[in-house]
Protein backbone atom coordinates (compact mmCIF):
# COMPACT_ATOMS: atom_id res chain seq x y z
CA MET A 1 0.00 0.00 0.00
CA PRO A 2 1.32 3.45 -0.80
CA VAL A 3 2.21 5.72 2.10
CA LYS A 4 -0.20 8.64 2.26
CA GLY A 5 1.39 11.88 1.11
CA VAL A 6 4.38 10.16 -0.50
CA PRO A 7 4.41 10.05 -4.31
CA MET A 8 4.76 6.56 -5.73
CA GLY A 9 7.33 6.12 -8.46
CA CYS A 10 7.98 3.22 -10.76
CA ALA A 11 11.23 2.08 -12.29
CA GLY A 12 12.85 -1.16 -13.23
CA ALA A 13 14.69 -2.84 -16.05
CA ALA A 14 17.26 -5.62 -16.16
CA PHE A 15 19.97 -6.24 -18.70
CA ASN A 16 22.68 -8.78 -19.35
CA SER A 17 25.73 -7.10 -17.78
CA GLY A 18 27.76 -7.60 -20.95
CA ASP A 19 25.18 -6.04 -23.25
CA THR A 20 26.19 -2.44 -22.73
CA GLU A 21 25.24 -1.44 -26.29
CA PHE A 22 21.63 -2.53 -25.75
CA ARG A 23 21.49 -0.82 -22.35
CA ALA A 24 22.79 2.42 -23.89
CA ALA A 25 20.13 2.24 -26.62
CA TYR A 26 17.45 1.64 -23.97
CA ASP A 27 18.75 4.57 -21.89
CA ASN A 28 18.64 6.88 -24.92
CA ALA A 29 15.09 5.87 -25.86
CA LEU A 30 13.90 6.20 -22.24
CA SER A 31 15.52 9.62 -21.94
CA GLU A 32 13.70 10.79 -25.07
CA LEU A 33 10.42 9.40 -23.73
CA LYS A 34 10.88 11.22 -20.44
CA SER A 35 11.94 14.55 -21.95
CA SER A 36 9.01 14.55 -24.38
CA GLY A 37 6.50 14.23 -21.52
CA GLU A 38 5.18 10.96 -22.94
CA PHE A 39 6.58 9.01 -19.98
CA ALA A 40 4.38 10.97 -17.57
CA LYS A 41 1.34 10.46 -19.81
CA ILE A 42 1.91 6.70 -19.71
CA ILE A 43 2.47 6.17 -15.97
CA GLU A 44 0.41 8.85 -14.24
CA PRO A 45 -3.03 7.40 -15.10
CA TYR A 46 -1.97 4.34 -13.04
CA GLY A 47 -1.24 6.41 -9.94
CA PHE A 48 2.52 6.71 -10.38
CA SER A 49 4.35 10.00 -10.10
CA ALA A 50 6.62 10.86 -13.03
CA GLU A 51 8.36 13.42 -10.83
CA ALA A 52 9.17 10.82 -8.15
CA THR A 53 10.36 8.36 -10.78
CA LEU A 54 12.56 10.92 -12.50
CA ALA A 55 14.29 11.64 -9.19
CA VAL A 56 15.69 8.08 -9.05
CA LYS A 57 18.87 7.24 -10.94
CA ARG A 58 20.49 3.88 -11.77
CA ASP A 59 23.42 4.58 -9.45
CA ASP A 60 20.97 4.86 -6.54
CA PHE A 61 20.37 1.11 -6.85
CA CYS A 62 23.36 -0.20 -8.80
CA PRO A 63 26.41 1.98 -8.07
CA GLY A 64 28.97 1.85 -10.85
CA ASN A 65 26.60 0.47 -13.47
């Protein structure tokens, strides 16, 4: 259950650690989706906060990756 007053974000993707080219392509496409505002349009109708999600970075969970 979400904590009242705390925006709920969503993020998650997994990649083969050796497939850095695919991960870079994914990162580029996701960045474009976020900067266009389309990301927010997709997740916000489901109760997620684009702002909260955008505040989280890969290094927060997987330092050095």
